[in-house]
Amino acid sequence: MSLRENPSPKHSPRFLGMPFVSGITLFYLLIGEFWIYFADLVIKQLAKTGEHWCILSTSRGLLLVYSTGALLFLTLNHFLSRIRLTQQHALESKEHYEIATSAANIGVWDRDIVNNRLVWDDRMIQLYGIRSKEFGGAYEAWKQCIHPDDRNRAEQDVKQAERGEKDFDTEFRIVRPDGEVRHIRAFGRVIRDKAGKPVRMTGINYDITAGKQLEETLRTRNEELERFNRAAIDRELRMIELKTEINNLHRQLGQAVPYVVADVTQDTSSPGSGFKAFLKKLFGNDKPHAA
């Protein structure tokens, strides 16, 4: 996973290995030898009797060239080895980062506020269900992906973060090109220049649709349970009314009452009396939610 506008790896110094060092060193040696022999040739022409001196000078020059060439080779090799080691650590860190974000299904984005450029990684492209070539790479392209009912609120969250009024921590729905609606959680950080002006935002998105669906299912089940509880209470209260009426009719006829009815008019401040006792008997320890 990589941000879409990262430079190509072919330009990285890690591709400059031993052939590069050897080539630079060989080029240096060839130039040095050519210069020494050329200088000696000129000296010989100027001083016909200085042949022995020229040979000595050539030997000393070649020794200097080869010594400095070896030093150049070692220096370049050490320098490039340090670069390769640093890049290897960076590559390993990048791989760990990619594994973590991929496992958590986290998309990474980076926005250049000044130039209105928005960069998404591969996971962001997948989250929004679009193709790479379909993404315009601008702030407006992101806004068009947001559900119309959430668009203004999400944009206000961005503006408030840019003004420093709050952190960018929000939720919104997106509409994919196929019409599917997904819930997204977004975090971001605003980067400012020395004057405090926002110049860049970077952050993450991840899909929370599954959690939202579970929350909705839980809400509907609680509502259904509450309806059943209310229906059960209404039923039991109606049965108490009917039994009380039947008992009164029996009393008027001078007959024994057939039913023992809980007195729901008693003081309900005591846990074991009146309507509370009735609810406890009816539902055990699970009392219905208040209407």
Foldseek 3Di string as FASTA:
>chain_A
DDWPPDDDCVPALLVCADVNLVVVLVVQLVVQLVVLVVVLVVVCVVPVPCPVVSVVSSVVSNVVSVVVSVVSSVVVNVVSVVSNVVVVVVVVVVVVVVVVCVVQLKKKKKAFPVVQFIITDPSVCVVQQHDPVPQPRGPVSVLQFFDPVCSVVLVVLVVCQQVVVDFNWDKGWGAHPVRDIFIKTWGKHFDADPVSHTGMMITIIHTCRVVVVVVVVVVVVLVVVLVVLVVVVVVVVVVLVVLVVQQVVCVVVVHHRPDDHFAQPDDVPDCCHHPNVVQCVVPPPDHHDDD
